[in-house]
Structures are given as structure tokens and as C-alpha cells.
Amino acid sequence: MTRVLLADDQAVVRAGLRTILETDQAIEVVGEANDGREAVTLTQALEPDVVMMDIRMPVLDGIKATERLMSTGTRAKVLILTTYGLDEYVYAALRAGAAGFMLKTEPPARLCEAVHVVAAGDALLGSETTRLLIERYLSEPPAGMRPASRLDGLTSREQQVLLELAHGRSNEEIGRVLFIEPGTVKTHITHILTKLGLRDRVQAVVFAYETGLVRRGAFGA
């Protein structure tokens, strides 16, 4: 059973999300928060697998709430929900440690699928909207970033896997491109995250862009 906490300042939105998610017998909504601070408190108390987090909330917004949750070492994954599409705040939330992002207008079945994807430890990177988001809000490597010093700790194969990961490819797709088994890809990704001190696949993609391993315009290449 995947346990979910809903965080949104609109009660009607939370009610709608609960109704949608509870159509899936493998999902249990364990709590609701109406602001970011309450989301942090309830996450610590209820230990959900996934927090569905709105960005614009009173008291503590979704970005700061995500940062605060990540700093606690929680095992919960944050799935950002927004009505705003390509929004700079969504990108900030991904950098803060969110495992993915979706529009509230997505079909109900897609929302349930997203919960399972994120709960399983996979980042929700496959949608074109998320790819465009990264393309739009990330330009060149920040001043002072030295990509070689960070990448030198990776083997050549790990760098290849990171490059494919940054194109939004799944383990299966990476395996086909590099002619290795999906299980081997997963092992490489685990090593990459450990060596670079990254939380998940989303942060690996951000890292690939910010260090210059992948440049703007690379998605879709």
C-alpha cells in the first residue's frame, strides 16, 4: 500500500485529489495539510511514502516545505502539483529535492500512476512538460562550478548512463542505447547518486545541466 499525504491550501482541491487517488486500491490517503508548515509536521508524524505538494501555499510555500522535508532526511518523496505549467517555481522545487512534477489537469489515472512511479523511487521525468521546464529555466553552468572535478569520480560508463539519464530516458531505454541490462543500469545510477551525493534522478538531471555535461537544447536530440 502506498501512503499519500495531500498538501494544498484549497479544501476542494484536496477533496478532489483524495477521491481520485482512492479509486486505486493500492493507494491510501493518510492525511491532508492546508499549508507547507503543516505538511512538514504531518509528514514527520505520519511518515507517508509520497507527499503531493502544491507550490503556492500560505505560511510556508511548497518549495520551502520541500527543502525543509529534505533536510530532515525523510524517506517521503515529494510530487509537486501545479496549475501553472512551465513555472520557474516548479524548477526551484525540483532543485529543492522534489521527485517530480505534474499538472493538476492531468487525467485521474495519470495522477495515480505518478504516485506509484515516485513511490517506487523513480523520478517523474518522462513528460515533455518537465523536459521543457528544465530547458527553459537552466542556462549555462553557474559561475565557479567545475564540472571536471565532479565528474572525474565517475567511470566512463557511469558518465554515459548519466548523459542518457539527462535526456529523460528510463532504465529500459538506457539499457537499449548502451546494450546493457536494465538491472545494470539501475546499479550504475545508484553508484552515480552515491558518488555525487545526489538524492534522486531529478537531481542527477539538474547536475548534468549545471555542470555542463548536457547543454540547453540537448533534450529531444
Foldseek 3Di string as FASTA:
>chain_A
DAEEEEEAQDPVLVVVLQVLQVVDVVYDHPYYHNALVVVLVVCVVVVGQEYAAEADGPPHGRQRSLLVNVVVVRNHAYEYEYQPQLDLSVVSSLLSPHLYYDYSPDDSVVVNVQSVCVSVQHRPQQDPSNVVSCLPNFAEADPPQALCVLCVVADPVLLLLLVVLLLVDQLPVSCVVVVHDSVVSVVSLVVSCVSNVHDGSSNSNVSCRNNVVDHRPRHVD
